[in-house]
Amino acid sequence: MRIEKISAIKSIRNHFKTKDMGSVKEIINTMDTFEAADVIEVLEPEKQVTVFRLLAKEHALEVFEHLDVHTQQSLLQNFTDENAVEVFSSLEPDDRIKLIDELPAAVAKRLLSSLTQEEREMTSLLLGYKHGTAGQIMTPKYIRLSKEMSVQQAIEKVRASGKDLETVNLLYVTDDKRKLEGSVSLSDIVMAQPEEKINNIMEKEPARVYTETDDGFVAELLKESDLISVPVLDSEDRLVGVVTVDDAIDILEEEALDEVFDKAGFVELTKTETDRSKVLIHGTIPQVWRVRIPFLIITLIGGMLAGGVIEYFEDFLDAIVAVAFFVPVIMDMGGNVGTQSSTIFTRALVLGQIDFPKFLRHWGREVVIGLTMGIILGAAGGAFAAFWQGNTELGMVVGMALASTITIATALGFLVPYILVKLGFDQAAGSDPIITTIKDLSGLAIYFFLVSTFLM
């Protein structure tokens, strides 16, 4: 995200704190469509609705079309009925389909019923086609010409009907039964003589696809042929819609992203993590409890067991009081290193930098890093302990315990979230509690084992 956008987001949040909506309106309306969409997407849901309502009406509808589907869904559910209906009605039928797939059934039904009969019929038509086909991404709005028309008649039809269409750059010629006979570009029409017949300037065998054609194939066809749109035919070769290059770009972007995630081994991960994050940030308190408390119970049990370990070695603490001084250091260092590693793993996971099939290579590298950090920090901590307490053996024990705990914590920092992801659990909520529990028990056990071996 560009620095200007980050600055704008900070300014908008600051103006919300001071309730200066005039400044928010000024900021968001000076942005272009894409920038405004990017800013709204990263704001909190309650701010998204307010900022969107501050957009000028025409600008707002353009911005809405460029928002991701999840943000569109959130906005519609938080709009008043009147606002929701207005925005939903302004969308093209194929864009409505993408949104309907994400909306609760009751909301989708209410919005569909608000459409005019013509718009409802066009939207329902697309809903009848399979997901991932040309039928569901096409727009049923297009200009249909006859080959017997003159160029002048075609121009008049474009002027009369083209204002509300996605594209009029490529027009399609059919017979009276809508059987496709050719295509003609708007530029060819404009350059031809007014009395010229469309039949004389049209392309006789244009590229075409069918309603059941895979949308990925359609997107590749548009990409490879440099077409602006491609006609969509039904099983009887009748023209029922067109797929525009804008729709193709959306499909290609989605497929490229899926390919990246597929190589990393987590095609569904982004949507899953997005849904989990929404529950944790915007869900009800009981929903948050269900995600977080089970993992914290593991930590609670681990803490009790750690207390048991300390009780078991109580005689060592009585014999050498200084041993107790370094228990917090060893436990805290392990916890901090484990959290650091798990955070690094999570960020790399989100950015697609973790190659799941090659996870052992990533994990082995992190273990080596942990071991080297453990040696460095263990040597420093052990030297300090020896100097402070005047006891070389105690310093050696503290150093070895630190080195071991840091190495274990680093290994767990990558391993635990990986296992949780593979098992389908929420690694964001579960990693740190599990890492802390294992690290505390193992760290204390190692420390007291070294104490019993070298100091008793």
Protein backbone atom coordinates (compact mmCIF):
# COMPACT_ATOMS: atom_id res chain seq x y z
CA MET A 1 0.00 0.00 0.00
CA ARG A 2 1.38 3.40 -0.98
CA ILE A 3 2.47 5.88 1.69
CA GLU A 4 -0.30 8.29 0.61
CA LYS A 5 -2.98 5.67 1.32
CA ILE A 6 -1.49 4.80 4.70
CA SER A 7 -1.42 8.49 5.58
CA ALA A 8 -5.05 8.86 4.44
CA ILE A 9 -6.15 5.91 6.58
CA LYS A 10 -4.41 7.37 9.65
CA SER A 11 -6.01 10.77 8.99
CA ILE A 12 -9.47 9.24 8.60
CA ARG A 13 -9.11 7.34 11.87
CA ASN A 14 -7.91 10.49 13.65
CA HIS A 15 -10.85 12.49 12.26
CA PHE A 16 -13.22 9.77 13.51
CA LYS A 17 -11.78 10.25 17.02
CA THR A 18 -12.49 13.98 16.84
CA LYS A 19 -15.80 13.36 15.02
CA ASP A 20 -14.67 15.58 12.13
CA MET A 21 -16.74 13.97 9.39
CA GLY A 22 -16.27 16.95 7.08
CA SER A 23 -12.56 16.20 6.81
CA VAL A 24 -13.24 12.49 6.27
CA LYS A 25 -15.63 13.39 3.42
CA GLU A 26 -13.05 15.66 1.84
CA ILE A 27 -10.29 13.00 2.00
CA ILE A 28 -12.31 10.12 0.57
CA ASN A 29 -13.87 12.17 -2.24
CA THR A 30 -10.52 13.44 -3.50
CA MET A 31 -9.33 9.85 -4.07
CA ASP A 32 -9.81 7.97 -7.31
CA THR A 33 -12.07 4.92 -7.40
CA PHE A 34 -9.36 2.33 -6.77
CA GLU A 35 -7.69 4.24 -3.94
CA ALA A 36 -11.01 4.85 -2.18
CA ALA A 37 -11.87 1.13 -2.45
CA ASP A 38 -8.48 0.15 -1.00
CA VAL A 39 -8.91 2.54 1.94
CA ILE A 40 -12.46 1.40 2.75
CA GLU A 41 -11.42 -2.28 2.67
CA VAL A 42 -8.89 -1.86 5.50
CA LEU A 43 -11.12 0.22 7.79
CA GLU A 44 -13.17 -1.27 10.62
CA PRO A 45 -16.73 -2.33 9.55
CA GLU A 46 -18.48 0.47 11.42
CA LYS A 47 -16.15 3.04 9.82
CA GLN A 48 -16.57 1.44 6.38
CA VAL A 49 -20.30 2.19 6.35
CA THR A 50 -19.85 5.81 7.46
CA VAL A 51 -17.04 6.52 4.99
CA PHE A 52 -18.96 4.93 2.11
CA ARG A 53 -22.01 7.09 2.86
CA LEU A 54 -19.80 10.18 2.70
CA LEU A 55 -18.89 9.45 -0.93
CA ALA A 56 -20.64 11.39 -3.67
CA LYS A 57 -23.44 9.22 -5.10
CA GLU A 58 -21.93 8.47 -8.52
CA HIS A 59 -18.47 7.98 -7.03
CA ALA A 60 -19.91 5.65 -4.36
CA LEU A 61 -21.42 3.27 -6.91
CA GLU A 62 -18.13 3.05 -8.81
CA VAL A 63 -16.18 2.44 -5.60
CA PHE A 64 -18.61 -0.29 -4.52
CA GLU A 65 -18.01 -2.24 -7.74
CA HIS A 66 -14.26 -2.30 -7.00
CA LEU A 67 -14.53 -3.49 -3.38
CA ASP A 68 -13.83 -7.14 -2.60
CA VAL A 69 -16.93 -9.30 -2.17
CA HIS A 70 -16.51 -9.67 1.61
CA THR A 71 -16.49 -5.87 2.07
CA GLN A 72 -19.49 -5.51 -0.24
CA GLN A 73 -21.31 -8.10 1.86
CA SER A 74 -20.46 -6.34 5.11
CA LEU A 75 -21.60 -2.95 3.77
CA LEU A 76 -24.91 -4.24 2.43
CA GLN A 77 -25.74 -5.94 5.72
CA ASN A 78 -25.05 -2.69 7.60
CA PHE A 79 -26.89 -0.38 5.20
CA THR A 80 -30.47 0.69 5.67
CA ASP A 81 -32.85 -1.20 3.38
CA GLU A 82 -33.13 1.82 1.09
CA ASN A 83 -29.36 2.22 0.70
CA ALA A 84 -28.81 -1.50 0.22
CA VAL A 85 -31.45 -1.72 -2.49
CA GLU A 86 -30.06 1.33 -4.31
CA VAL A 87 -26.50 -0.04 -4.39
CA PHE A 88 -27.55 -3.61 -5.25
CA SER A 89 -29.76 -2.39 -8.11
CA SER A 90 -26.87 -0.39 -9.58
CA LEU A 91 -24.69 -3.47 -10.06
CA GLU A 92 -24.46 -5.42 -13.30
CA PRO A 93 -26.23 -8.82 -13.15
CA ASP A 94 -22.93 -10.78 -13.19
CA ASP A 95 -21.58 -8.65 -10.32
CA ARG A 96 -24.78 -9.29 -8.36
CA ILE A 97 -24.23 -13.04 -8.70
CA LYS A 98 -20.78 -12.86 -7.05
CA LEU A 99 -22.28 -10.92 -4.17
CA ILE A 100 -25.37 -13.13 -3.75
CA ASP A 101 -23.10 -16.16 -3.28
CA GLU A 102 -21.66 -14.52 -0.13
CA LEU A 103 -24.85 -13.06 1.37
CA PRO A 104 -27.13 -14.82 3.87
CA ALA A 105 -30.11 -16.36 2.08
CA ALA A 106 -32.64 -14.01 3.72
CA VAL A 107 -30.68 -10.90 2.73
CA ALA A 108 -30.15 -12.15 -0.84
CA LYS A 109 -33.86 -12.95 -1.21
CA ARG A 110 -34.86 -9.49 0.07
CA LEU A 111 -32.48 -7.72 -2.32
CA LEU A 112 -33.55 -9.81 -5.32
CA SER A 113 -37.21 -9.05 -4.62
CA SER A 114 -36.40 -5.33 -4.66
CA LEU A 115 -35.24 -5.41 -8.31
CA THR A 116 -37.41 -4.51 -11.24
CA GLN A 117 -38.93 -7.50 -13.01
CA GLU A 118 -36.50 -7.14 -15.94
CA GLU A 119 -33.42 -6.95 -13.68
CA ARG A 120 -34.70 -9.82 -11.52
CA GLU A 121 -35.20 -12.02 -14.59
CA MET A 122 -31.68 -11.29 -15.86
CA THR A 123 -30.15 -12.01 -12.46
CA SER A 124 -32.19 -15.19 -12.02
CA LEU A 125 -31.05 -16.32 -15.47
CA LEU A 126 -27.42 -16.21 -14.38
CA LEU A 127 -28.19 -17.92 -11.07
CA GLY A 128 -29.40 -20.92 -13.07
CA TYR A 129 -25.93 -21.63 -14.50
CA LYS A 130 -23.21 -23.64 -12.74
CA HIS A 131 -20.57 -21.85 -10.73
CA GLY A 132 -17.33 -21.44 -12.68
CA THR A 133 -18.97 -21.33 -16.11
CA ALA A 134 -19.34 -18.61 -18.73
CA GLY A 135 -23.08 -18.55 -18.03
CA GLN A 136 -22.57 -17.24 -14.51
CA ILE A 137 -19.99 -14.54 -15.32
CA MET A 138 -21.62 -13.20 -18.49
CA THR A 139 -23.79 -10.10 -18.64
CA PRO A 140 -27.14 -10.58 -20.37
CA LYS A 141 -27.09 -6.91 -21.40
CA TYR A 142 -25.79 -6.41 -24.94
CA ILE A 143 -26.68 -4.76 -28.26
CA ARG A 144 -27.91 -7.11 -30.96
CA LEU A 145 -27.80 -6.04 -34.59
CA SER A 146 -29.28 -7.47 -37.77
CA LYS A 147 -27.10 -7.98 -40.83
CA GLU A 148 -29.73 -6.18 -42.95
CA MET A 149 -29.34 -3.02 -40.88
CA SER A 150 -27.58 -0.02 -42.33
CA VAL A 151 -24.63 1.53 -40.52
CA GLN A 152 -26.80 4.57 -39.72
CA GLN A 153 -29.46 2.35 -38.10
CA ALA A 154 -26.78 0.56 -36.05
CA ILE A 155 -25.38 3.87 -34.78
CA GLU A 156 -28.85 5.02 -33.77
CA LYS A 157 -29.42 1.76 -31.87
CA VAL A 158 -26.11 2.13 -30.05
CA ARG A 159 -27.00 5.70 -29.07
CA ALA A 160 -30.41 4.60 -27.83
CA SER A 161 -29.35 1.48 -25.92
CA GLY A 162 -25.65 1.68 -25.17
CA LYS A 163 -25.53 4.09 -22.25
CA ASP A 164 -26.12 1.52 -19.50
CA LEU A 165 -24.11 -1.35 -21.01
CA GLU A 166 -20.69 -2.60 -19.84
CA THR A 167 -19.27 -2.37 -23.37
CA VAL A 168 -20.40 -1.34 -26.85
CA ASN A 169 -17.01 -1.64 -28.52
CA LEU A 170 -17.89 -4.99 -30.06
CA LEU A 171 -21.44 -5.64 -31.28
CA TYR A 172 -23.03 -8.93 -32.31
CA VAL A 173 -25.16 -9.74 -35.33
CA THR A 174 -27.96 -12.33 -35.07
CA ASP A 175 -30.99 -13.48 -37.00
CA ASP A 176 -34.52 -13.04 -35.65
CA LYS A 177 -34.12 -16.19 -33.52
CA ARG A 178 -30.93 -14.79 -31.90
CA LYS A 179 -28.67 -17.23 -33.78
CA LEU A 180 -25.19 -15.69 -33.94
CA GLU A 181 -24.19 -14.65 -37.48
CA GLY A 182 -21.26 -12.32 -36.94
CA SER A 183 -19.69 -9.47 -35.01
CA VAL A 184 -18.66 -5.92 -35.84
CA SER A 185 -16.56 -3.41 -33.93
CA LEU A 186 -17.89 0.03 -33.15
CA SER A 187 -14.84 1.56 -34.85
CA ASP A 188 -15.69 -0.25 -38.12
CA ILE A 189 -19.25 1.04 -37.91
CA VAL A 190 -18.14 4.62 -37.32
CA MET A 191 -15.69 4.49 -40.25
CA ALA A 192 -18.20 2.98 -42.70
CA GLN A 193 -20.62 4.89 -44.92
CA PRO A 194 -24.07 5.47 -43.31
CA GLU A 195 -25.89 3.51 -46.03
CA GLU A 196 -23.49 0.52 -45.87
CA LYS A 197 -25.09 -2.76 -44.73
CA ILE A 198 -23.80 -4.42 -41.56
CA ASN A 199 -23.52 -7.67 -43.51
CA ASN A 200 -20.73 -6.15 -45.61
CA ILE A 201 -18.52 -5.05 -42.72
CA MET A 202 -19.12 -7.73 -40.09
CA GLU A 203 -16.81 -10.64 -39.25
CA LYS A 204 -18.62 -13.78 -40.34
CA GLU A 205 -17.17 -16.33 -37.89
CA PRO A 206 -16.41 -14.59 -34.58
CA ALA A 207 -15.03 -16.44 -31.58
CA ARG A 208 -17.77 -17.70 -29.29
CA VAL A 209 -18.23 -19.74 -26.12
CA TYR A 210 -21.16 -21.54 -24.55
CA THR A 211 -22.92 -21.11 -21.22
CA GLU A 212 -21.30 -24.31 -19.87
CA THR A 213 -17.77 -23.33 -20.98
CA ASP A 214 -15.29 -23.12 -18.11
CA ASP A 215 -14.78 -19.49 -17.07
CA GLY A 216 -11.01 -20.00 -16.98
CA PHE A 217 -11.06 -21.01 -20.65
CA VAL A 218 -13.11 -17.93 -21.49
CA ALA A 219 -10.63 -15.69 -19.67
CA GLU A 220 -7.67 -17.23 -21.52
CA LEU A 221 -9.51 -16.84 -24.84
CA LEU A 222 -10.01 -13.13 -24.24
CA LYS A 223 -6.42 -12.75 -23.10
CA GLU A 224 -4.91 -14.58 -26.08
CA SER A 225 -7.17 -13.07 -28.75
CA ASP A 226 -7.06 -9.47 -27.46
CA LEU A 227 -10.85 -9.29 -27.73
CA ILE A 228 -12.85 -6.82 -25.65
CA SER A 229 -15.70 -9.29 -25.23
CA VAL A 230 -16.82 -12.69 -26.40
CA PRO A 231 -20.40 -13.82 -27.13
CA VAL A 232 -21.99 -16.56 -25.02
CA LEU A 233 -24.39 -18.99 -26.72
CA ASP A 234 -26.85 -21.49 -25.28
CA SER A 235 -27.15 -25.13 -26.36
CA GLU A 236 -29.18 -24.06 -29.39
CA ASP A 237 -26.53 -21.55 -30.55
CA ARG A 238 -28.63 -18.55 -29.50
CA LEU A 239 -26.91 -15.45 -28.15
CA VAL A 240 -27.72 -15.09 -24.44
CA GLY A 241 -24.96 -12.78 -23.17
CA VAL A 242 -21.38 -11.57 -23.41
CA VAL A 243 -18.31 -11.91 -21.20
CA THR A 244 -16.24 -8.72 -21.08
CA VAL A 245 -12.50 -8.37 -20.65
CA ASP A 246 -13.06 -6.91 -17.14
CA ASP A 247 -14.64 -10.19 -16.06
CA ALA A 248 -11.76 -12.09 -17.65
CA ILE A 249 -9.18 -10.07 -15.69
CA ASP A 250 -10.99 -10.89 -12.43
CA ILE A 251 -10.92 -14.61 -13.29
CA LEU A 252 -7.23 -14.57 -14.28
CA GLU A 253 -6.28 -12.74 -11.08
CA GLU A 254 -8.18 -15.27 -8.96
CA GLU A 255 -6.59 -18.20 -10.80
CA ALA A 256 -3.10 -16.68 -10.46
CA LEU A 257 -3.63 -16.24 -6.72
CA ASP A 258 -4.97 -19.78 -6.39
CA GLU A 259 -1.92 -21.09 -8.26
CA VAL A 260 0.42 -19.33 -5.83
CA PHE A 261 -1.48 -20.71 -2.86
CA ASP A 262 -1.68 -24.16 -4.43
CA LYS A 263 2.09 -24.27 -4.78
CA ALA A 264 2.31 -23.36 -1.11
CA GLY A 265 -0.16 -26.12 -0.24
CA PHE A 266 -3.02 -23.99 1.11
CA VAL A 267 -5.52 -22.99 -1.58
CA GLU A 268 -8.35 -22.49 0.94
CA LEU A 269 -6.14 -20.99 3.62
CA THR A 270 -6.75 -17.32 2.87
CA LYS A 271 -10.54 -17.57 3.05
CA THR A 272 -10.33 -19.76 6.17
CA GLU A 273 -7.97 -17.37 7.95
CA THR A 274 -10.11 -14.38 6.89
CA ASP A 275 -13.25 -15.99 8.31
CA ARG A 276 -11.47 -16.89 11.57
CA SER A 277 -10.05 -13.41 11.93
CA LYS A 278 -13.50 -11.88 11.46
CA VAL A 279 -14.88 -14.10 14.23
CA LEU A 280 -12.08 -13.10 16.62
CA ILE A 281 -12.32 -9.37 15.83
CA HIS A 282 -16.02 -8.84 15.13
CA GLY A 283 -17.74 -12.00 16.44
CA THR A 284 -19.89 -12.22 19.57
CA ILE A 285 -18.16 -12.80 22.91
CA PRO A 286 -19.34 -16.46 23.11
CA GLN A 287 -17.93 -17.06 19.59
CA VAL A 288 -14.55 -15.69 20.70
CA TRP A 289 -14.68 -17.84 23.84
CA ARG A 290 -15.18 -20.98 21.76
CA VAL A 291 -12.01 -20.26 19.78
CA ARG A 292 -9.69 -19.00 22.50
CA ILE A 293 -10.63 -20.68 25.80
CA PRO A 294 -9.83 -24.30 24.77
CA PHE A 295 -6.22 -23.32 24.01
CA LEU A 296 -5.94 -21.26 27.19
CA ILE A 297 -7.15 -24.25 29.20
CA ILE A 298 -4.15 -26.12 27.78
CA THR A 299 -1.93 -23.32 29.10
CA LEU A 300 -3.67 -23.43 32.50
CA ILE A 301 -3.08 -27.17 32.78
CA GLY A 302 0.51 -26.67 31.64
CA GLY A 303 1.01 -24.02 34.32
CA MET A 304 -0.25 -26.39 36.97
CA LEU A 305 2.11 -29.10 35.73
CA ALA A 306 4.98 -26.59 35.75
CA GLY A 307 4.14 -25.90 39.37
CA GLY A 308 4.37 -29.62 39.98
CA VAL A 309 7.83 -29.70 38.41
CA ILE A 310 9.00 -26.89 40.71
CA GLU A 311 7.51 -28.67 43.72
CA TYR A 312 9.29 -31.88 42.76
CA PHE A 313 12.64 -30.05 42.78
CA GLU A 314 11.83 -28.03 45.90
CA ASP A 315 14.79 -29.52 47.77
CA PHE A 316 17.18 -28.04 45.18
CA LEU A 317 15.67 -24.61 45.67
CA ASP A 318 16.06 -24.92 49.44
CA ALA A 319 19.66 -26.06 49.10
CA ILE A 320 20.71 -23.44 46.53
CA VAL A 321 18.48 -20.37 46.76
CA ALA A 322 20.15 -18.71 43.76
CA VAL A 323 18.69 -21.41 41.49
CA ALA A 324 15.27 -19.79 41.89
CA PHE A 325 16.56 -16.42 40.66
CA PHE A 326 16.92 -17.67 37.09
CA VAL A 327 13.64 -19.59 36.69
CA PRO A 328 11.77 -16.48 35.37
CA VAL A 329 14.63 -15.68 32.97
CA ILE A 330 14.64 -19.14 31.42
CA MET A 331 10.83 -19.30 31.12
CA ASP A 332 10.46 -15.75 29.74
CA MET A 333 13.27 -16.10 27.19
CA GLY A 334 11.74 -19.30 25.89
CA GLY A 335 8.31 -17.68 25.67
CA ASN A 336 9.58 -14.61 23.83
CA VAL A 337 11.60 -16.63 21.33
CA GLY A 338 8.69 -19.02 20.71
CA THR A 339 6.30 -16.10 20.09
CA GLN A 340 8.84 -14.48 17.78
CA SER A 341 9.21 -17.65 15.70
CA SER A 342 5.47 -18.30 15.48
CA THR A 343 4.87 -14.70 14.37
CA ILE A 344 7.53 -15.05 11.66
CA PHE A 345 5.89 -18.28 10.52
CA THR A 346 2.41 -16.70 10.41
CA ARG A 347 3.57 -13.71 8.38
CA ALA A 348 5.43 -15.94 5.92
CA LEU A 349 2.36 -18.16 5.67
CA VAL A 350 0.06 -15.25 4.82
CA LEU A 351 2.52 -13.92 2.22
CA GLY A 352 2.83 -17.33 0.57
CA GLN A 353 6.51 -17.69 1.48
CA ILE A 354 6.09 -21.05 3.22
CA ASP A 355 6.29 -23.95 0.77
CA PHE A 356 4.30 -26.64 2.58
CA PRO A 357 5.74 -29.62 0.66
CA LYS A 358 9.20 -28.36 1.68
CA PHE A 359 8.26 -27.48 5.24
CA LEU A 360 11.06 -29.62 6.76
CA ARG A 361 13.60 -27.42 5.00
CA HIS A 362 12.02 -24.26 6.51
CA TRP A 363 11.78 -25.92 9.91
CA GLY A 364 15.37 -27.20 9.83
CA ARG A 365 16.65 -23.71 9.01
CA GLU A 366 14.67 -22.25 11.93
CA VAL A 367 16.03 -24.91 14.31
CA VAL A 368 19.60 -24.04 13.26
CA ILE A 369 18.84 -20.36 13.80
CA GLY A 370 17.39 -21.20 17.21
CA LEU A 371 20.43 -23.25 18.15
CA THR A 372 22.86 -20.48 17.20
CA MET A 373 20.78 -17.86 19.05
CA GLY A 374 20.60 -20.22 22.03
CA ILE A 375 24.38 -20.59 22.12
CA ILE A 376 24.93 -16.81 21.91
CA LEU A 377 22.27 -15.86 24.47
CA GLY A 378 23.08 -18.84 26.67
CA ALA A 379 26.75 -17.85 26.80
CA ALA A 380 25.81 -14.25 27.67
CA GLY A 381 23.27 -15.28 30.28
CA GLY A 382 25.54 -17.91 31.80
CA ALA A 383 28.46 -15.47 32.06
CA PHE A 384 26.23 -12.91 33.78
CA ALA A 385 24.88 -15.53 36.22
CA ALA A 386 28.38 -16.74 37.10
CA PHE A 387 29.63 -13.18 37.65
CA TRP A 388 26.56 -12.14 39.66
CA GLN A 389 26.49 -15.17 41.96
CA GLY A 390 30.22 -15.89 41.93
CA ASN A 391 29.45 -19.49 40.98
CA THR A 392 30.89 -20.87 37.73
CA GLU A 393 28.88 -24.11 37.90
CA LEU A 394 25.62 -22.18 38.31
CA GLY A 395 26.53 -19.97 35.35
CA MET A 396 27.20 -23.06 33.22
CA VAL A 397 23.83 -24.56 34.20
CA VAL A 398 21.95 -21.32 33.43
CA GLY A 399 23.75 -21.01 30.08
CA MET A 400 22.99 -24.57 29.00
CA ALA A 401 19.36 -24.26 30.15
CA LEU A 402 18.92 -21.03 28.19
CA ALA A 403 20.50 -22.52 25.07
CA SER A 404 18.29 -25.61 25.25
CA THR A 405 15.07 -23.70 25.99
CA ILE A 406 15.64 -21.17 23.20
CA THR A 407 16.37 -23.93 20.68
CA ILE A 408 13.24 -25.87 21.69
CA ALA A 409 11.06 -22.73 21.66
CA THR A 410 12.28 -21.77 18.17
CA ALA A 411 11.57 -25.26 16.83
CA LEU A 412 8.09 -25.20 18.38
CA GLY A 413 7.46 -21.71 16.95
CA PHE A 414 7.40 -23.15 13.43
CA LEU A 415 6.24 -26.69 14.16
CA VAL A 416 3.14 -26.02 16.29
CA PRO A 417 1.37 -23.57 13.92
CA TYR A 418 2.24 -25.82 10.97
CA ILE A 419 0.60 -28.81 12.67
CA LEU A 420 -2.47 -26.74 13.63
CA VAL A 421 -2.89 -25.53 10.05
CA LYS A 422 -2.56 -29.06 8.68
CA LEU A 423 -5.14 -30.32 11.20
CA GLY A 424 -7.55 -27.48 10.40
CA PHE A 425 -7.32 -25.65 13.73
CA ASP A 426 -6.94 -21.90 14.27
CA GLN A 427 -3.18 -21.44 14.53
CA ALA A 428 -3.49 -17.75 15.46
CA ALA A 429 -5.41 -18.58 18.63
CA GLY A 430 -3.73 -21.89 19.42
CA SER A 431 -0.01 -21.60 18.67
CA ASP A 432 1.24 -19.46 21.55
CA PRO A 433 -0.67 -21.26 24.35
CA ILE A 434 0.59 -24.65 23.17
CA ILE A 435 4.15 -23.40 22.61
CA THR A 436 4.18 -21.78 26.07
CA THR A 437 2.93 -24.95 27.76
CA ILE A 438 5.46 -27.28 26.11
CA LYS A 439 8.29 -24.80 26.50
CA ASP A 440 7.60 -24.15 30.21
CA LEU A 441 7.49 -27.85 31.07
CA SER A 442 10.54 -28.79 29.00
CA GLY A 443 12.52 -25.69 30.06
CA LEU A 444 11.97 -26.28 33.77
CA ALA A 445 12.68 -29.99 33.45
CA ILE A 446 15.96 -29.30 31.62
CA TYR A 447 16.99 -26.58 34.09
CA PHE A 448 16.39 -28.68 37.18
CA PHE A 449 17.96 -31.74 35.56
CA LEU A 450 21.12 -29.70 34.95
CA VAL A 451 20.97 -28.36 38.51
CA SER A 452 20.71 -31.89 39.90
CA THR A 453 23.55 -33.08 37.66
CA PHE A 454 26.11 -30.30 38.16
CA LEU A 455 25.24 -28.59 41.44
CA MET A 456 23.99 -31.30 43.79
